[in-house]
Amino acid sequence: MNKTKATPLVECRNLCKQYDNKIILNNINLKIPRGKIIGLLGRNGAGKSTFIKSLNGLITPASGEVLIDGQPVGVNSKNLISYLPERTYLEKTMTVQQALYYFAEFYQNFNLEKATALVQDLSLNLDTKISKMSKGMQEKLQLILVMSRKAELYILDEPLGGIDPATRDYILDTILSNFNAGASVLISTHLISDIERILDEVIFIENGKIILTAETDQLRTKHHASIDEIFRQTFKAKTNRRYHMLHKLLKYDLRAIYRQLVVFYIIAFSCAIIGRVFSNYDNNLLFKIIHEFFSGVALGLCFGIVVNNATRIWEYTKRDFYGDQSYLTHTLPVPRSNLYLAKFLTILITTITSLTVIIAIVFMNYASPETFELIHESIRSVGSKAEFVKFAILLLNVIFLETVFIIQAGITGIILGHKANNRKTAMSFVYGFTIFILANITTVTLASIWGIFDPEIHRAMQGSISNSIMTKLLCGAIFIYLAHIATEFYIGCRSFQKGIDVE
């Protein structure tokens, strides 16, 4: 079946694949030689499995081509390739003996005697049904079936994933002892340290692109490091894993919070729309009552949105950091600082969303010629449109930061409260409320000190407030709230990083 030794065993030319406009394989050009054990190395989602599927005819490329021994993927190439997918695929009702016979009937290069001997080495009864076997034993059986073929190319997709160290050693020894001399082995994995000792060459793949192909000995000599260390350094230079994981944490945190908040958004918007529709019929008493009712409900729900935003984040943080869910959260390969930062970013994002929704509802309720006239009067009293816009922006920032400060005080209270040996919930409330009170006392103290050195602020504290003084007060409030939030963040993050006690 082989053409010549000069013909690459595998050749990919401009290979591309995408799903729903997401590029999975990006213009891959690659040749795989004969007689080598090659590691296809990349993180989860890098494109390893998709690339392997293209070699086995399991997917249709969007463009480009794959040649196996100089021929397109097809019946002939499947005789040359022995493929171990990342999942168990044998029919569960089969016995071990039937699985061996199945391979023997379809693959002319399958060595039944060799496979039978390997199965017996596992002390596995040939009459055992696959459904009665453990997952690890099923994987060993599949490996035996794959490695008992006299193939030209053995493709093993994540053969070490989700198995214990002893099974990993068995798999590696089976690969080394049983693959056909002169054939190549392509092993896809992200567990590099476990297999690098058997590799002759490596292929690094990231975001569907081949970024490096080289012999392992040359790489080790050049970089004076292991393949695992070279892999980590290579991908660290391309992307910062910390922020990649932070993005994932933030995605799940936001999904959990918005799941309930969106319900409030929809109900509040619906009430505001109904109230707005019936506001056009003031001459009808019934319609006027409906307008007043739904407008009132919409405004009440605005307050409910803020309260629900805060309580939902507090409840979710407690469950995620210290409840049953924490057993998963704290065993993720993520620094605690990222866990804490994800919660803080969740506060910022959900607060912005909630305040935006509230502004839209208020506008929908009160937008009228009279309202716009009132705004124009306010602009005239301020002095100019630019001054009015500046004042409005400052006021919105103060409201936003005050909301963030209150929610963050609760988060910090939860973290400090769970340092206690008992009554953790009560202590969380005590710490959170104490932080809130101390921060407000600090605010009043700072304002008083400011008033001593600034006559305008002193007059404002006595009730004489002008537009310029109000702008100055709002700027001061923004500065103070930023300081409070930064202090809370520092205290909470440091305390959280020092350690946790999950019940």
Protein backbone atom coordinates (compact mmCIF):
# COMPACT_ATOMS: atom_id res chain seq x y z
CA MET A 1 0.00 0.00 0.00
CA ASN A 2 2.93 2.33 0.63
CA LYS A 3 4.02 4.40 -2.33
CA THR A 4 7.61 5.40 -1.56
CA LYS A 5 9.56 6.30 1.51
CA ALA A 6 9.70 9.86 0.15
CA THR A 7 5.91 10.17 0.27
CA PRO A 8 4.85 11.63 3.63
CA LEU A 9 2.68 9.34 5.68
CA VAL A 10 0.30 12.26 6.28
CA GLU A 11 0.16 15.55 4.42
CA CYS A 12 -2.28 18.39 5.10
CA ARG A 13 -2.60 21.21 2.59
CA ASN A 14 -4.33 24.45 3.63
CA LEU A 15 -6.70 22.47 5.88
CA CYS A 16 -9.54 24.56 7.31
CA LYS A 17 -12.64 23.76 9.36
CA GLN A 18 -15.21 25.97 11.04
CA TYR A 19 -18.47 25.59 12.94
CA ASP A 20 -21.02 28.43 13.01
CA ASN A 21 -18.43 30.97 11.84
CA LYS A 22 -15.96 29.85 14.53
CA ILE A 23 -12.66 28.75 13.00
CA ILE A 24 -11.50 25.43 14.47
CA LEU A 25 -8.68 24.57 12.04
CA ASN A 26 -6.95 27.53 10.45
CA ASN A 27 -5.04 26.86 7.21
CA ILE A 28 -2.99 23.90 8.45
CA ASN A 29 -0.03 22.78 6.33
CA LEU A 30 1.72 19.80 7.86
CA LYS A 31 3.63 16.62 7.00
CA ILE A 32 3.91 13.64 9.33
CA PRO A 33 6.88 11.33 8.65
CA ARG A 34 7.14 7.57 9.04
CA GLY A 35 8.64 5.69 11.95
CA LYS A 36 8.11 8.37 14.60
CA ILE A 37 6.17 8.75 17.84
CA ILE A 38 4.72 12.25 17.62
CA GLY A 39 2.91 14.27 20.26
CA LEU A 40 0.07 16.52 19.11
CA LEU A 41 0.13 18.93 22.04
CA GLY A 42 -2.27 21.70 22.90
CA ARG A 43 -4.69 22.86 25.53
CA ASN A 44 -8.33 21.80 25.64
CA GLY A 45 -10.17 23.38 22.72
CA ALA A 46 -7.00 24.03 20.70
CA GLY A 47 -8.23 21.92 17.76
CA LYS A 48 -6.48 18.59 18.44
CA SER A 49 -9.56 16.36 18.23
CA THR A 50 -10.92 18.17 15.17
CA PHE A 51 -7.58 17.72 13.39
CA ILE A 52 -7.57 14.02 14.23
CA LYS A 53 -11.16 13.62 13.03
CA SER A 54 -10.16 15.13 9.70
CA LEU A 55 -7.43 12.47 9.31
CA ASN A 56 -9.99 9.74 9.94
CA GLY A 57 -12.73 11.08 7.67
CA LEU A 58 -15.05 11.86 10.58
CA ILE A 59 -15.51 15.47 9.48
CA THR A 60 -15.52 17.22 6.12
CA PRO A 61 -13.00 20.07 5.84
CA ALA A 62 -14.32 23.48 4.82
CA SER A 63 -11.34 23.76 2.47
CA GLY A 64 -7.96 22.18 1.85
CA GLU A 65 -7.16 18.47 1.73
CA VAL A 66 -5.70 15.61 3.74
CA LEU A 67 -3.55 12.93 2.06
CA ILE A 68 -2.73 9.63 3.75
CA ASP A 69 0.21 7.95 2.03
CA GLY A 70 -0.45 10.22 -0.92
CA GLN A 71 -4.16 9.34 -1.19
CA PRO A 72 -7.28 11.25 -0.11
CA VAL A 73 -9.02 10.07 3.04
CA GLY A 74 -11.20 7.09 2.18
CA VAL A 75 -11.45 3.31 2.37
CA ASN A 76 -7.77 2.78 1.62
CA SER A 77 -6.61 5.28 4.24
CA LYS A 78 -8.77 3.59 6.88
CA ASN A 79 -6.85 0.38 6.28
CA LEU A 80 -3.64 2.25 7.03
CA ILE A 81 -4.82 4.07 10.18
CA SER A 82 -5.60 2.48 13.53
CA TYR A 83 -7.59 5.04 15.52
CA LEU A 84 -8.33 5.28 19.24
CA PRO A 85 -10.93 8.03 19.86
CA GLU A 86 -11.29 9.92 23.13
CA ARG A 87 -14.47 8.04 24.03
CA THR A 88 -15.57 4.44 24.50
CA TYR A 89 -17.26 3.33 21.30
CA LEU A 90 -17.72 -0.43 21.49
CA GLU A 91 -21.23 -1.88 21.51
CA LYS A 92 -22.08 -2.50 25.18
CA THR A 93 -23.89 -5.78 24.50
CA MET A 94 -20.75 -7.33 22.95
CA THR A 95 -18.50 -9.65 24.86
CA VAL A 96 -14.73 -9.21 24.77
CA GLN A 97 -14.48 -12.18 22.39
CA GLN A 98 -17.08 -10.67 20.05
CA ALA A 99 -15.17 -7.35 20.00
CA LEU A 100 -12.00 -9.18 19.00
CA TYR A 101 -13.82 -11.07 16.23
CA TYR A 102 -15.44 -7.84 15.03
CA PHE A 103 -12.02 -6.26 14.47
CA ALA A 104 -10.65 -9.46 12.94
CA GLU A 105 -13.48 -9.58 10.39
CA PHE A 106 -13.21 -5.98 9.22
CA TYR A 107 -9.45 -5.32 9.45
CA GLN A 108 -7.19 -7.65 7.48
CA ASN A 109 -4.16 -6.34 9.40
CA PHE A 110 -5.66 -7.25 12.81
CA ASN A 111 -3.65 -9.86 14.76
CA LEU A 112 -6.24 -11.88 16.65
CA GLU A 113 -3.68 -14.01 18.48
CA LYS A 114 -1.81 -10.96 19.70
CA ALA A 115 -5.01 -9.28 20.89
CA THR A 116 -6.15 -12.43 22.68
CA ALA A 117 -2.81 -12.71 24.48
CA LEU A 118 -2.95 -9.07 25.60
CA VAL A 119 -6.51 -9.53 26.88
CA GLN A 120 -5.46 -12.61 28.84
CA ASP A 121 -2.56 -10.62 30.35
CA LEU A 122 -5.25 -8.43 31.90
CA SER A 123 -6.89 -11.54 33.40
CA LEU A 124 -10.02 -10.54 31.54
CA ASN A 125 -12.58 -13.24 30.74
CA LEU A 126 -13.32 -13.37 27.00
CA ASP A 127 -17.00 -13.96 27.77
CA THR A 128 -17.32 -10.78 29.85
CA LYS A 129 -19.77 -8.29 28.43
CA ILE A 130 -18.40 -4.81 27.81
CA SER A 131 -21.30 -3.31 29.79
CA LYS A 132 -20.01 -5.17 32.87
CA MET A 133 -16.50 -3.75 32.57
CA SER A 134 -15.23 -0.62 34.31
CA LYS A 135 -14.48 2.46 32.22
CA GLY A 136 -10.76 1.97 32.72
CA MET A 137 -10.95 -1.66 31.59
CA GLN A 138 -12.99 -0.69 28.53
CA GLU A 139 -10.30 1.83 27.60
CA LYS A 140 -7.61 -0.83 27.98
CA LEU A 141 -9.59 -3.16 25.74
CA GLN A 142 -9.98 -0.49 23.06
CA LEU A 143 -6.24 0.21 23.21
CA ILE A 144 -5.50 -3.50 22.76
CA LEU A 145 -7.79 -3.62 19.71
CA VAL A 146 -6.10 -0.56 18.18
CA MET A 147 -2.52 -1.66 18.90
CA SER A 148 -3.14 -5.24 17.65
CA ARG A 149 -3.42 -3.99 14.08
CA LYS A 150 -0.38 -3.87 11.80
CA ALA A 151 -1.15 -0.31 10.76
CA GLU A 152 0.99 2.41 9.20
CA LEU A 153 -0.32 5.13 11.50
CA TYR A 154 -1.69 4.79 15.03
CA ILE A 155 -3.74 7.80 16.10
CA LEU A 156 -4.50 8.02 19.81
CA ASP A 157 -6.78 10.89 20.89
CA GLU A 158 -6.31 11.76 24.58
CA PRO A 159 -5.50 8.17 25.62
CA LEU A 160 -4.41 9.33 29.12
CA GLY A 161 -7.34 11.58 30.01
CA GLY A 162 -9.39 10.75 33.11
CA ILE A 163 -7.45 7.63 34.13
CA ASP A 164 -5.28 6.73 37.10
CA PRO A 165 -1.44 6.74 37.00
CA ALA A 166 -1.18 2.93 36.98
CA THR A 167 -3.43 2.72 33.91
CA ARG A 168 -1.39 5.46 32.24
CA ASP A 169 1.78 3.37 32.67
CA TYR A 170 -0.01 0.35 31.19
CA ILE A 171 -1.16 2.38 28.17
CA LEU A 172 2.30 3.81 27.49
CA ASP A 173 3.95 0.40 27.83
CA THR A 174 1.34 -1.14 25.51
CA ILE A 175 1.97 1.54 22.90
CA LEU A 176 5.75 1.13 23.02
CA SER A 177 5.63 -2.68 22.92
CA ASN A 178 3.01 -3.23 20.24
CA PHE A 179 3.04 -0.65 17.49
CA ASN A 180 4.16 -1.85 14.07
CA ALA A 181 7.86 -1.31 13.37
CA GLY A 182 8.28 1.45 10.79
CA ALA A 183 4.85 2.89 11.57
CA SER A 184 4.17 6.24 13.22
CA VAL A 185 2.16 7.00 16.32
CA LEU A 186 0.33 10.31 16.71
CA ILE A 187 -0.69 10.92 20.32
CA SER A 188 -2.96 13.85 21.15
CA THR A 189 -2.82 15.02 24.76
CA HIS A 190 -2.52 17.97 27.12
CA LEU A 191 -0.83 15.76 29.78
CA ILE A 192 2.63 16.37 28.35
CA SER A 193 4.77 15.40 31.33
CA ASP A 194 3.31 11.88 31.27
CA ILE A 195 4.26 11.07 27.68
CA GLU A 196 7.21 13.25 26.72
CA ARG A 197 9.69 10.46 27.50
CA ILE A 198 8.40 8.39 24.57
CA LEU A 199 8.08 11.19 21.99
CA ASP A 200 10.41 11.64 19.00
CA GLU A 201 8.71 14.78 17.70
CA VAL A 202 6.09 17.27 18.84
CA ILE A 203 3.46 19.40 17.14
CA PHE A 204 2.16 22.39 19.11
CA ILE A 205 -1.36 23.51 18.16
CA GLU A 206 -3.26 26.56 19.44
CA ASN A 207 -6.52 28.09 18.20
CA GLY A 208 -6.50 25.75 15.21
CA LYS A 209 -3.01 26.78 14.08
CA ILE A 210 0.22 24.76 14.07
CA ILE A 211 2.68 27.03 15.85
CA LEU A 212 5.63 24.64 16.21
CA THR A 213 6.90 21.31 14.87
CA ALA A 214 10.27 19.96 16.01
CA GLU A 215 12.21 16.96 17.25
CA THR A 216 12.11 16.59 21.01
CA ASP A 217 15.87 16.18 21.47
CA GLN A 218 16.58 19.34 19.49
CA LEU A 219 14.04 21.29 21.55
CA ARG A 220 15.49 20.09 24.86
CA THR A 221 19.03 20.96 23.75
CA LYS A 222 18.05 24.38 22.44
CA HIS A 223 15.95 25.46 25.44
CA HIS A 224 17.65 23.41 28.20
CA ALA A 225 14.20 22.44 29.46
CA SER A 226 11.69 19.61 29.31
CA ILE A 227 9.02 19.49 26.60
CA ASP A 228 6.40 20.24 29.27
CA GLU A 229 8.31 23.38 30.33
CA ILE A 230 8.81 24.47 26.72
CA PHE A 231 5.09 23.98 26.06
CA ARG A 232 4.13 26.10 29.07
CA GLN A 233 6.59 28.86 28.13
CA THR A 234 5.38 28.88 24.53
CA PHE A 235 1.73 29.28 25.40
CA LYS A 236 2.40 31.66 28.25
CA ALA A 237 3.95 33.98 25.72
CA LYS A 238 0.87 33.81 23.50
CA THR A 239 -1.90 34.11 26.04
CA ASN A 240 -2.15 34.82 29.73
CA ARG A 241 -3.82 31.77 31.21
CA ARG A 242 -4.81 33.65 34.34
CA TYR A 243 -7.05 36.04 32.48
CA HIS A 244 -8.31 33.25 30.26
CA MET A 245 -9.56 31.43 33.38
CA LEU A 246 -10.91 34.68 34.82
CA HIS A 247 -13.04 35.09 31.70
CA LYS A 248 -14.49 31.61 32.24
CA LEU A 249 -15.23 32.27 35.92
CA LEU A 250 -16.90 35.57 35.08
CA LYS A 251 -19.05 33.90 32.44
CA TYR A 252 -20.49 31.39 34.92
CA ASP A 253 -20.89 33.97 37.69
CA LEU A 254 -22.82 36.33 35.42
CA ARG A 255 -24.97 33.49 34.14
CA ALA A 256 -25.93 32.56 37.72
CA ILE A 257 -26.80 36.15 38.70
CA TYR A 258 -28.61 37.17 35.52
CA ARG A 259 -30.75 34.03 35.57
CA GLN A 260 -32.93 35.65 38.26
CA LEU A 261 -32.27 39.32 37.55
CA VAL A 262 -33.52 39.05 33.98
CA VAL A 263 -36.93 38.00 35.32
CA PHE A 264 -37.12 41.29 37.27
CA TYR A 265 -35.99 43.21 34.20
CA ILE A 266 -38.69 41.67 32.02
CA ILE A 267 -41.50 42.15 34.55
CA ALA A 268 -40.47 45.76 35.28
CA PHE A 269 -40.22 46.60 31.57
CA SER A 270 -43.57 44.95 30.88
CA CYS A 271 -45.28 46.97 33.65
CA ALA A 272 -43.64 50.18 32.40
CA ILE A 273 -44.81 49.49 28.84
CA ILE A 274 -48.37 48.76 29.97
CA GLY A 275 -48.40 51.89 32.12
CA ARG A 276 -47.07 53.92 29.23
CA VAL A 277 -49.70 52.60 26.81
CA PHE A 278 -52.59 53.46 29.15
CA SER A 279 -51.13 56.91 29.95
CA ASN A 280 -52.61 58.08 26.65
CA TYR A 281 -56.15 57.58 27.97
CA ASP A 282 -56.30 59.93 30.96
CA ASN A 283 -59.90 60.82 30.17
CA ASN A 284 -60.95 57.27 31.04
CA LEU A 285 -60.97 56.56 34.80
CA LEU A 286 -60.36 52.81 34.42
CA PHE A 287 -57.45 53.35 32.06
CA LYS A 288 -56.01 56.00 34.37
CA ILE A 289 -56.16 53.54 37.30
CA ILE A 290 -54.42 50.89 35.18
CA HIS A 291 -51.76 53.45 34.20
CA GLU A 292 -51.13 54.50 37.79
CA PHE A 293 -51.06 50.89 39.01
CA PHE A 294 -48.59 49.53 36.46
CA SER A 295 -46.40 52.64 36.58
CA GLY A 296 -46.25 52.29 40.37
CA VAL A 297 -45.42 48.60 40.11
CA ALA A 298 -42.66 49.35 37.57
CA LEU A 299 -41.10 51.93 39.88
CA GLY A 300 -41.39 49.58 42.85
CA LEU A 301 -39.66 46.86 40.85
CA CYS A 302 -36.82 49.28 40.17
CA PHE A 303 -36.07 49.19 43.89
CA GLY A 304 -36.57 45.42 43.79
CA ILE A 305 -33.97 45.13 41.01
CA VAL A 306 -31.32 46.83 43.16
CA VAL A 307 -32.17 44.75 46.23
CA ASN A 308 -32.30 41.52 44.22
CA ASN A 309 -29.01 42.36 42.54
CA ALA A 310 -27.31 42.71 45.93
CA THR A 311 -28.94 39.75 47.70
CA ARG A 312 -28.46 37.45 44.72
CA ILE A 313 -24.72 38.22 44.62
CA TRP A 314 -24.39 37.75 48.39
CA GLU A 315 -26.27 34.45 48.33
CA TYR A 316 -24.37 33.15 45.31
CA THR A 317 -20.98 34.17 46.77
CA LYS A 318 -21.73 32.41 50.04
CA ARG A 319 -22.79 29.25 48.21
CA ASP A 320 -19.91 29.38 45.75
CA PHE A 321 -17.21 30.05 48.35
CA TYR A 322 -18.51 28.20 51.42
CA GLY A 323 -21.53 26.04 50.51
CA ASP A 324 -21.76 22.67 48.76
CA GLN A 325 -20.73 24.31 45.49
CA SER A 326 -17.43 25.36 47.10
CA TYR A 327 -16.15 21.78 46.87
CA LEU A 328 -16.01 22.31 43.12
CA THR A 329 -15.03 26.00 43.18
CA HIS A 330 -11.97 25.53 45.39
CA THR A 331 -10.71 22.48 43.48
CA LEU A 332 -10.64 24.32 40.14
CA PRO A 333 -7.09 25.06 38.88
CA VAL A 334 -7.67 28.78 39.46
CA PRO A 335 -5.93 31.17 41.91
CA ARG A 336 -8.13 32.45 44.73
CA SER A 337 -7.41 35.99 43.58
CA ASN A 338 -9.19 35.15 40.30
CA LEU A 339 -12.18 33.72 42.16
CA TYR A 340 -12.46 36.92 44.18
CA LEU A 341 -11.86 39.20 41.19
CA ALA A 342 -14.58 37.43 39.22
CA LYS A 343 -17.08 38.24 41.98
CA PHE A 344 -15.98 41.89 42.03
CA LEU A 345 -16.34 42.21 38.24
CA THR A 346 -19.76 40.56 38.53
CA ILE A 347 -20.79 43.32 40.96
CA LEU A 348 -19.62 46.02 38.54
CA ILE A 349 -21.26 44.53 35.45
CA THR A 350 -24.61 43.61 37.03
CA THR A 351 -24.83 46.98 38.79
CA ILE A 352 -24.27 48.83 35.51
CA THR A 353 -26.91 46.67 33.84
CA SER A 354 -29.44 47.12 36.62
CA LEU A 355 -29.00 50.91 36.79
CA THR A 356 -29.31 51.13 33.00
CA VAL A 357 -32.58 49.18 33.14
CA ILE A 358 -33.87 51.42 35.95
CA ILE A 359 -33.03 54.59 33.99
CA ALA A 360 -34.84 53.20 30.94
CA ILE A 361 -37.93 52.34 33.04
CA VAL A 362 -38.00 55.77 34.71
CA PHE A 363 -37.67 57.46 31.34
CA MET A 364 -40.46 55.30 29.93
CA ASN A 365 -42.72 56.22 32.86
CA TYR A 366 -42.08 59.95 32.95
CA ALA A 367 -41.12 60.94 29.40
CA SER A 368 -43.58 63.69 28.43
CA PRO A 369 -43.55 67.28 27.15
CA GLU A 370 -43.83 68.48 30.75
CA THR A 371 -40.80 66.41 31.76
CA PHE A 372 -38.71 67.73 28.90
CA GLU A 373 -39.72 71.29 29.80
CA LEU A 374 -38.62 70.63 33.38
CA ILE A 375 -35.26 69.40 32.07
CA HIS A 376 -34.87 72.54 29.99
CA GLU A 377 -35.57 74.66 33.08
CA SER A 378 -32.96 72.68 35.00
CA ILE A 379 -30.44 73.29 32.22
CA ARG A 380 -31.15 77.02 32.35
CA SER A 381 -30.75 77.07 36.12
CA VAL A 382 -27.44 75.24 35.91
CA GLY A 383 -26.16 77.58 33.25
CA SER A 384 -25.53 75.44 30.19
CA LYS A 385 -26.33 72.08 28.69
CA ALA A 386 -22.73 70.95 29.19
CA GLU A 387 -22.90 71.75 32.91
CA PHE A 388 -26.18 69.87 33.24
CA VAL A 389 -24.76 66.79 31.47
CA LYS A 390 -21.65 66.91 33.68
CA PHE A 391 -23.82 67.14 36.79
CA ALA A 392 -26.00 64.20 35.63
CA ILE A 393 -22.95 62.04 34.88
CA LEU A 394 -21.39 62.79 38.26
CA LEU A 395 -24.66 61.98 40.04
CA LEU A 396 -25.03 58.67 38.19
CA ASN A 397 -21.44 57.77 39.07
CA VAL A 398 -22.08 58.45 42.74
CA ILE A 399 -25.21 56.25 42.69
CA PHE A 400 -23.28 53.50 40.87
CA LEU A 401 -20.31 53.60 43.25
CA GLU A 402 -22.54 53.70 46.35
CA THR A 403 -24.37 50.59 45.12
CA VAL A 404 -21.08 48.80 44.41
CA PHE A 405 -19.77 49.86 47.83
CA ILE A 406 -22.81 48.38 49.62
CA ILE A 407 -22.65 45.07 47.73
CA GLN A 408 -18.89 44.85 48.21
CA ALA A 409 -19.32 45.47 51.95
CA GLY A 410 -21.58 42.41 52.05
CA ILE A 411 -19.04 40.28 50.16
CA THR A 412 -16.25 41.35 52.51
CA GLY A 413 -18.50 40.60 55.47
CA ILE A 414 -19.20 37.09 54.15
CA ILE A 415 -15.47 36.36 53.79
CA LEU A 416 -14.56 37.72 57.23
CA GLY A 417 -17.62 36.12 58.85
CA HIS A 418 -16.65 32.67 57.59
CA LYS A 419 -13.33 32.95 59.41
CA ALA A 420 -15.32 32.49 62.65
CA ASN A 421 -15.57 29.05 64.22
CA ASN A 422 -19.35 29.17 64.51
CA ARG A 423 -22.35 31.37 63.72
CA LYS A 424 -20.75 32.18 60.40
CA THR A 425 -23.92 33.66 58.85
CA ALA A 426 -24.54 35.93 61.83
CA MET A 427 -20.91 37.01 61.91
CA SER A 428 -21.03 37.72 58.17
CA PHE A 429 -23.90 40.13 58.77
CA VAL A 430 -22.09 41.74 61.71
CA TYR A 431 -18.89 42.25 59.75
CA GLY A 432 -20.71 43.54 56.67
CA PHE A 433 -22.85 45.99 58.65
CA THR A 434 -19.83 47.14 60.68
CA ILE A 435 -17.88 47.83 57.48
CA PHE A 436 -20.82 49.84 56.15
CA ILE A 437 -21.16 51.91 59.35
CA LEU A 438 -17.41 52.53 59.71
CA ALA A 439 -17.18 53.63 56.08
CA ASN A 440 -20.03 56.10 56.54
CA ILE A 441 -18.47 57.46 59.75
CA THR A 442 -15.23 57.89 57.82
CA THR A 443 -17.11 59.71 55.06
CA VAL A 444 -18.69 62.16 57.51
CA THR A 445 -15.34 62.70 59.22
CA LEU A 446 -13.57 63.38 55.94
CA ALA A 447 -16.34 65.77 54.86
CA SER A 448 -16.01 67.65 58.16
CA ILE A 449 -12.24 67.92 57.76
CA TRP A 450 -12.75 69.08 54.17
CA GLY A 451 -15.16 71.75 55.40
CA ILE A 452 -12.53 73.12 57.76
CA PHE A 453 -10.14 73.84 54.89
CA ASP A 454 -12.72 74.78 52.22
CA PRO A 455 -15.21 77.60 53.06
CA GLU A 456 -17.55 76.57 50.21
CA ILE A 457 -17.89 73.06 51.60
CA HIS A 458 -18.42 74.51 55.07
CA ARG A 459 -21.27 76.68 53.75
CA ALA A 460 -22.73 73.65 51.93
CA MET A 461 -22.80 71.70 55.19
CA GLN A 462 -24.83 74.57 56.68
CA GLY A 463 -27.38 74.36 53.83
CA SER A 464 -26.07 76.92 51.35
CA ILE A 465 -25.50 74.89 48.17
CA SER A 466 -24.72 76.34 44.75
CA ASN A 467 -24.21 74.51 41.45
CA SER A 468 -20.43 74.75 41.68
CA ILE A 469 -20.44 73.44 45.26
CA MET A 470 -22.73 70.55 44.28
CA THR A 471 -20.31 69.56 41.50
CA LYS A 472 -17.44 69.70 43.97
CA LEU A 473 -19.38 67.58 46.49
CA LEU A 474 -20.17 64.96 43.88
CA CYS A 475 -16.51 64.76 42.85
CA GLY A 476 -15.55 64.37 46.49
CA ALA A 477 -18.15 61.64 46.97
CA ILE A 478 -16.77 59.76 43.96
CA PHE A 479 -13.25 59.92 45.37
CA ILE A 480 -14.37 58.73 48.81
CA TYR A 481 -16.43 55.84 47.45
CA LEU A 482 -13.54 54.74 45.25
CA ALA A 483 -11.33 54.73 48.35
CA HIS A 484 -13.91 52.71 50.31
CA ILE A 485 -14.31 50.16 47.50
CA ALA A 486 -10.53 49.82 47.09
CA THR A 487 -10.15 49.26 50.84
CA GLU A 488 -12.92 46.66 50.90
CA PHE A 489 -11.40 44.92 47.88
CA TYR A 490 -7.96 44.79 49.53
CA ILE A 491 -9.28 43.49 52.87
CA GLY A 492 -11.57 40.91 51.28
CA CYS A 493 -9.01 39.67 48.75
CA ARG A 494 -6.18 39.37 51.28
CA SER A 495 -8.40 37.57 53.77
CA PHE A 496 -9.70 35.21 51.09
CA GLN A 497 -6.20 34.39 49.82
CA LYS A 498 -4.98 33.57 53.33
CA GLY A 499 -7.21 30.52 53.43
CA ILE A 500 -10.75 29.18 53.78
CA ASP A 501 -12.59 26.76 56.02
CA VAL A 502 -15.31 24.89 54.14
CA GLU A 503 -17.73 22.95 56.30
